[in-house]
């Protein structure tokens, strides 16, 4: 179980996510809102969506094994320093913490 709810940590995850994607790598993200546990799930982030003019929200395409038919969307809200994941049958949608679980040797 991952549990680090520090805002600085989430900012670092956002930077790591952008760095990995800019190098052409993938980012396996564990999503959690522990201790609430509306979400406790991992997704594969594989691309950043182009931003609209004036849009400060970063949007990412994800592969969700629970929904393999279409990309899912993860968002980063810089004003809140928080991630947001798309609503579905299992998750009410909204706030989630992101943890990088795979991608670096001995992480």
N, C-alpha and C. Protein backbone atom coordinates (compact mmCIF):
# COMPACT_ATOMS: atom_id res chain seq x y z
N UNK A 1 0.85 -1.18 0.00
CA UNK A 1 0.00 0.00 0.00
C UNK A 1 0.89 1.24 0.00
N UNK A 2 0.61 2.14 -0.89
CA UNK A 2 1.31 3.42 -0.94
C UNK A 2 0.53 4.42 -0.10
N UNK A 3 1.23 5.25 0.65
CA UNK A 3 0.53 6.28 1.40
C UNK A 3 1.46 7.46 1.64
N UNK A 4 1.40 8.41 0.77
CA UNK A 4 2.12 9.67 0.93
C UNK A 4 1.21 10.73 0.37
N UNK A 5 0.57 11.49 1.23
CA UNK A 5 -0.40 12.47 0.77
C UNK A 5 0.16 13.88 0.70
N UNK A 6 1.45 14.01 0.74
CA UNK A 6 2.13 15.29 0.66
C UNK A 6 1.92 15.93 -0.71
N UNK A 7 1.55 17.20 -0.74
CA UNK A 7 1.33 17.92 -2.00
C UNK A 7 2.62 17.97 -2.83
N UNK A 8 3.74 18.14 -2.19
CA UNK A 8 5.03 18.18 -2.90
C UNK A 8 5.29 16.85 -3.62
N UNK A 9 4.88 15.76 -3.00
CA UNK A 9 5.06 14.45 -3.64
C UNK A 9 4.23 14.37 -4.91
N UNK A 10 3.00 14.87 -4.88
CA UNK A 10 2.16 14.84 -6.07
C UNK A 10 2.71 15.75 -7.16
N UNK A 11 3.29 16.87 -6.79
CA UNK A 11 3.95 17.73 -7.78
C UNK A 11 5.11 16.97 -8.43
N UNK A 12 5.86 16.23 -7.61
CA UNK A 12 6.98 15.44 -8.15
C UNK A 12 6.48 14.33 -9.07
N UNK A 13 5.35 13.70 -8.73
CA UNK A 13 4.78 12.67 -9.60
C UNK A 13 4.36 13.29 -10.94
N UNK A 14 3.82 14.49 -10.90
CA UNK A 14 3.44 15.18 -12.14
C UNK A 14 4.68 15.44 -12.99
N UNK A 15 5.75 15.90 -12.38
CA UNK A 15 7.01 16.13 -13.11
C UNK A 15 7.56 14.83 -13.66
N UNK A 16 7.55 13.76 -12.85
CA UNK A 16 8.04 12.46 -13.31
C UNK A 16 7.22 11.93 -14.48
N UNK A 17 5.92 12.12 -14.40
CA UNK A 17 5.02 11.69 -15.47
C UNK A 17 5.36 12.41 -16.77
N UNK A 18 5.49 13.71 -16.71
CA UNK A 18 5.84 14.48 -17.91
C UNK A 18 7.22 14.12 -18.44
N UNK A 19 8.17 13.90 -17.55
CA UNK A 19 9.52 13.51 -17.97
C UNK A 19 9.52 12.16 -18.68
N UNK A 20 8.83 11.20 -18.10
CA UNK A 20 8.78 9.86 -18.70
C UNK A 20 8.14 9.93 -20.09
N UNK A 21 7.04 10.63 -20.22
CA UNK A 21 6.36 10.71 -21.52
C UNK A 21 7.20 11.47 -22.54
N UNK A 22 7.92 12.50 -22.10
CA UNK A 22 8.75 13.26 -23.04
C UNK A 22 9.93 12.43 -23.57
N UNK A 23 10.34 11.42 -22.80
CA UNK A 23 11.40 10.50 -23.25
C UNK A 23 10.84 9.34 -24.07
N UNK A 24 9.54 9.32 -24.28
CA UNK A 24 8.91 8.24 -25.03
C UNK A 24 8.66 7.00 -24.20
N UNK A 25 8.72 7.14 -22.89
CA UNK A 25 8.50 6.02 -21.99
C UNK A 25 7.05 5.97 -21.54
N UNK A 26 6.70 4.88 -20.89
CA UNK A 26 5.37 4.72 -20.31
C UNK A 26 5.45 4.97 -18.81
N UNK A 27 4.33 5.20 -18.19
CA UNK A 27 4.28 5.50 -16.77
C UNK A 27 3.16 4.67 -16.16
N UNK A 28 3.51 3.72 -15.31
CA UNK A 28 2.50 2.93 -14.61
C UNK A 28 2.15 3.69 -13.33
N UNK A 29 0.89 4.10 -13.23
CA UNK A 29 0.44 4.91 -12.10
C UNK A 29 -0.52 4.12 -11.23
N UNK A 30 -0.20 4.08 -9.96
CA UNK A 30 -1.12 3.53 -8.97
C UNK A 30 -1.98 4.68 -8.48
N UNK A 31 -3.28 4.55 -8.56
CA UNK A 31 -4.22 5.59 -8.16
C UNK A 31 -4.88 5.20 -6.85
N UNK A 32 -4.90 6.13 -5.91
CA UNK A 32 -5.50 5.84 -4.61
C UNK A 32 -5.98 7.12 -3.95
N UNK A 33 -7.03 7.01 -3.20
CA UNK A 33 -7.46 8.11 -2.34
C UNK A 33 -7.50 7.64 -0.88
N UNK A 34 -6.61 6.69 -0.58
CA UNK A 34 -6.50 6.12 0.77
C UNK A 34 -6.47 7.25 1.80
N UNK A 35 -7.18 7.15 2.87
CA UNK A 35 -7.84 6.01 3.46
C UNK A 35 -9.30 5.81 3.03
N UNK A 36 -9.83 6.66 2.16
CA UNK A 36 -11.22 6.53 1.74
C UNK A 36 -11.45 5.28 0.91
N UNK A 37 -10.56 5.01 -0.02
CA UNK A 37 -10.59 3.84 -0.90
C UNK A 37 -11.77 3.81 -1.87
N UNK A 38 -12.07 4.96 -2.46
CA UNK A 38 -12.98 4.96 -3.60
C UNK A 38 -12.26 4.41 -4.82
N UNK A 39 -10.94 4.59 -4.81
CA UNK A 39 -10.13 4.04 -5.91
C UNK A 39 -8.86 3.44 -5.33
N UNK A 40 -8.48 2.30 -5.87
CA UNK A 40 -7.29 1.56 -5.47
C UNK A 40 -6.92 0.74 -6.70
N UNK A 41 -6.23 1.36 -7.65
CA UNK A 41 -6.15 0.80 -8.99
C UNK A 41 -4.89 1.29 -9.70
N UNK A 42 -4.42 0.52 -10.66
CA UNK A 42 -3.26 0.92 -11.46
C UNK A 42 -3.68 1.08 -12.93
N UNK A 43 -3.09 2.09 -13.58
CA UNK A 43 -3.33 2.34 -15.00
C UNK A 43 -1.98 2.60 -15.68
N UNK A 44 -1.97 2.46 -16.98
CA UNK A 44 -0.78 2.73 -17.78
C UNK A 44 -1.00 4.07 -18.50
N UNK A 45 -0.19 5.06 -18.15
CA UNK A 45 -0.28 6.37 -18.80
C UNK A 45 0.66 6.33 -19.99
N UNK A 46 0.12 6.55 -21.19
CA UNK A 46 0.94 6.42 -22.40
C UNK A 46 1.01 7.67 -23.26
N UNK A 47 0.30 8.71 -22.91
CA UNK A 47 0.38 9.90 -23.74
C UNK A 47 -0.26 11.11 -23.10
N UNK A 48 0.28 12.25 -23.47
CA UNK A 48 -0.29 13.52 -23.02
C UNK A 48 -1.16 14.07 -24.13
N UNK A 49 -2.35 14.52 -23.78
CA UNK A 49 -3.25 15.10 -24.76
C UNK A 49 -2.83 16.54 -25.06
N UNK A 50 -3.00 16.99 -26.29
CA UNK A 50 -2.68 18.39 -26.61
C UNK A 50 -3.58 19.33 -25.80
N UNK A 51 -2.98 20.39 -25.32
CA UNK A 51 -3.73 21.36 -24.52
C UNK A 51 -4.45 22.36 -25.43
N UNK A 52 -5.62 22.75 -25.00
CA UNK A 52 -6.34 23.81 -25.69
C UNK A 52 -5.76 25.15 -25.27
N UNK A 53 -5.89 26.14 -26.10
CA UNK A 53 -5.37 27.47 -25.80
C UNK A 53 -5.94 27.98 -24.48
N UNK A 54 -5.05 28.37 -23.58
CA UNK A 54 -5.47 28.91 -22.30
C UNK A 54 -5.82 27.86 -21.25
N UNK A 55 -5.82 26.60 -21.63
CA UNK A 55 -6.15 25.53 -20.69
C UNK A 55 -4.92 25.19 -19.85
N UNK A 56 -5.03 25.32 -18.56
CA UNK A 56 -3.90 25.04 -17.66
C UNK A 56 -3.93 23.61 -17.13
N UNK A 57 -4.99 22.88 -17.42
CA UNK A 57 -5.13 21.51 -16.95
C UNK A 57 -4.41 20.57 -17.91
N UNK A 58 -3.50 19.75 -17.37
CA UNK A 58 -2.82 18.74 -18.18
C UNK A 58 -3.70 17.50 -18.24
N UNK A 59 -3.87 16.94 -19.43
CA UNK A 59 -4.70 15.76 -19.62
C UNK A 59 -3.86 14.64 -20.24
N UNK A 60 -4.07 13.43 -19.76
CA UNK A 60 -3.29 12.28 -20.18
C UNK A 60 -4.20 11.13 -20.60
N UNK A 61 -3.75 10.38 -21.61
CA UNK A 61 -4.43 9.15 -22.02
C UNK A 61 -3.88 8.00 -21.20
N UNK A 62 -4.78 7.15 -20.74
CA UNK A 62 -4.40 6.00 -19.93
C UNK A 62 -5.06 4.74 -20.47
N UNK A 63 -4.35 3.64 -20.31
CA UNK A 63 -4.95 2.33 -20.53
C UNK A 63 -5.38 1.83 -19.16
N UNK A 64 -6.65 1.53 -19.04
CA UNK A 64 -7.21 0.99 -17.81
C UNK A 64 -7.63 -0.45 -18.09
N UNK A 65 -7.04 -1.44 -17.41
CA UNK A 65 -7.39 -2.83 -17.70
C UNK A 65 -8.86 -3.16 -17.42
N UNK A 66 -9.53 -2.34 -16.62
CA UNK A 66 -10.97 -2.55 -16.39
C UNK A 66 -11.82 -2.04 -17.55
N UNK A 67 -11.23 -1.22 -18.40
CA UNK A 67 -11.94 -0.63 -19.55
C UNK A 67 -11.02 -0.63 -20.77
N UNK A 68 -10.69 -1.80 -21.31
CA UNK A 68 -9.71 -1.88 -22.40
C UNK A 68 -10.23 -1.37 -23.74
N UNK A 69 -11.51 -1.07 -23.84
CA UNK A 69 -12.10 -0.68 -25.11
C UNK A 69 -11.75 0.73 -25.57
N UNK A 70 -11.40 1.62 -24.64
CA UNK A 70 -11.12 3.02 -25.01
C UNK A 70 -10.19 3.65 -23.98
N UNK A 71 -9.44 4.68 -24.39
CA UNK A 71 -8.57 5.37 -23.43
C UNK A 71 -9.37 6.02 -22.31
N UNK A 72 -8.77 6.09 -21.16
CA UNK A 72 -9.34 6.79 -20.01
C UNK A 72 -8.54 8.08 -19.83
N UNK A 73 -9.07 9.00 -19.05
CA UNK A 73 -8.40 10.30 -18.91
C UNK A 73 -8.02 10.58 -17.46
N UNK A 74 -6.75 10.95 -17.31
CA UNK A 74 -6.20 11.42 -16.04
C UNK A 74 -5.89 12.89 -16.23
N UNK A 75 -6.24 13.71 -15.25
CA UNK A 75 -5.99 15.16 -15.35
C UNK A 75 -5.13 15.62 -14.18
N UNK A 76 -4.36 16.68 -14.45
CA UNK A 76 -3.59 17.35 -13.41
C UNK A 76 -4.07 18.79 -13.33
N UNK A 77 -4.49 19.20 -12.13
CA UNK A 77 -4.94 20.57 -11.88
C UNK A 77 -3.84 21.30 -11.11
N UNK A 78 -3.08 22.17 -11.79
CA UNK A 78 -1.95 22.83 -11.14
C UNK A 78 -2.35 23.75 -9.99
N UNK A 79 -3.53 24.35 -10.07
CA UNK A 79 -3.96 25.25 -8.99
C UNK A 79 -4.24 24.50 -7.69
N UNK A 80 -4.59 23.23 -7.80
CA UNK A 80 -4.87 22.39 -6.63
C UNK A 80 -3.71 21.44 -6.32
N UNK A 81 -2.75 21.34 -7.25
CA UNK A 81 -1.67 20.35 -7.14
C UNK A 81 -2.26 18.97 -6.92
N UNK A 82 -3.24 18.63 -7.76
CA UNK A 82 -3.95 17.37 -7.57
C UNK A 82 -4.32 16.73 -8.91
N UNK A 83 -4.38 15.40 -8.88
CA UNK A 83 -4.82 14.61 -10.02
C UNK A 83 -6.31 14.31 -9.90
N UNK A 84 -6.91 14.01 -11.04
CA UNK A 84 -8.33 13.69 -11.12
C UNK A 84 -8.46 12.57 -12.15
N UNK A 85 -9.24 11.54 -11.82
CA UNK A 85 -9.42 10.43 -12.74
C UNK A 85 -10.88 10.33 -13.13
N UNK A 86 -11.09 9.85 -14.32
CA UNK A 86 -12.41 9.76 -14.94
C UNK A 86 -13.37 8.85 -14.16
N UNK A 87 -14.62 9.24 -14.13
CA UNK A 87 -15.68 8.47 -13.48
C UNK A 87 -16.01 7.22 -14.29
N UNK A 88 -16.34 6.15 -13.59
CA UNK A 88 -16.84 4.93 -14.23
C UNK A 88 -17.68 4.15 -13.22
N UNK A 89 -18.00 2.91 -13.54
CA UNK A 89 -18.85 2.10 -12.66
C UNK A 89 -18.19 1.81 -11.31
N UNK A 90 -16.86 1.71 -11.31
CA UNK A 90 -16.14 1.35 -10.08
C UNK A 90 -15.69 2.57 -9.27
N UNK A 91 -15.57 3.72 -9.91
CA UNK A 91 -15.01 4.91 -9.26
C UNK A 91 -15.94 6.10 -9.49
N UNK A 92 -16.21 6.82 -8.43
CA UNK A 92 -17.13 7.96 -8.52
C UNK A 92 -16.52 9.13 -9.30
N UNK A 93 -15.24 9.03 -9.60
CA UNK A 93 -14.56 10.09 -10.33
C UNK A 93 -14.02 11.14 -9.38
N UNK A 94 -13.05 11.88 -9.87
CA UNK A 94 -12.51 12.98 -9.08
C UNK A 94 -11.12 12.72 -8.55
N UNK A 95 -10.87 13.32 -7.41
CA UNK A 95 -9.55 13.36 -6.80
C UNK A 95 -8.95 11.98 -6.57
N UNK A 96 -7.67 11.88 -6.92
CA UNK A 96 -6.89 10.69 -6.63
C UNK A 96 -5.42 11.07 -6.48
N UNK A 97 -4.71 10.34 -5.69
CA UNK A 97 -3.25 10.50 -5.63
C UNK A 97 -2.64 9.57 -6.67
N UNK A 98 -1.50 9.97 -7.20
CA UNK A 98 -0.80 9.16 -8.19
C UNK A 98 0.56 8.77 -7.62
N UNK A 99 0.90 7.50 -7.77
CA UNK A 99 2.19 6.97 -7.33
C UNK A 99 2.81 6.24 -8.51
N UNK A 100 4.06 6.55 -8.79
CA UNK A 100 4.80 5.91 -9.89
C UNK A 100 5.29 4.57 -9.38
N UNK A 101 4.76 3.50 -9.91
CA UNK A 101 5.09 2.17 -9.38
C UNK A 101 6.05 1.37 -10.24
N UNK A 102 6.32 1.84 -11.45
CA UNK A 102 7.22 1.10 -12.30
C UNK A 102 7.85 2.05 -13.29
N UNK A 103 9.12 1.85 -13.55
CA UNK A 103 9.77 2.67 -14.55
C UNK A 103 11.22 2.98 -14.24
N UNK A 104 11.60 2.88 -12.97
CA UNK A 104 12.97 3.17 -12.60
C UNK A 104 13.59 1.96 -11.91
N UNK A 105 14.84 1.70 -12.22
CA UNK A 105 15.55 0.60 -11.58
C UNK A 105 15.67 0.88 -10.09
N UNK A 106 15.32 -0.08 -9.26
CA UNK A 106 15.40 0.01 -7.80
C UNK A 106 14.59 1.15 -7.23
N UNK A 107 13.51 1.48 -7.84
CA UNK A 107 12.71 2.58 -7.28
C UNK A 107 11.98 2.03 -6.10
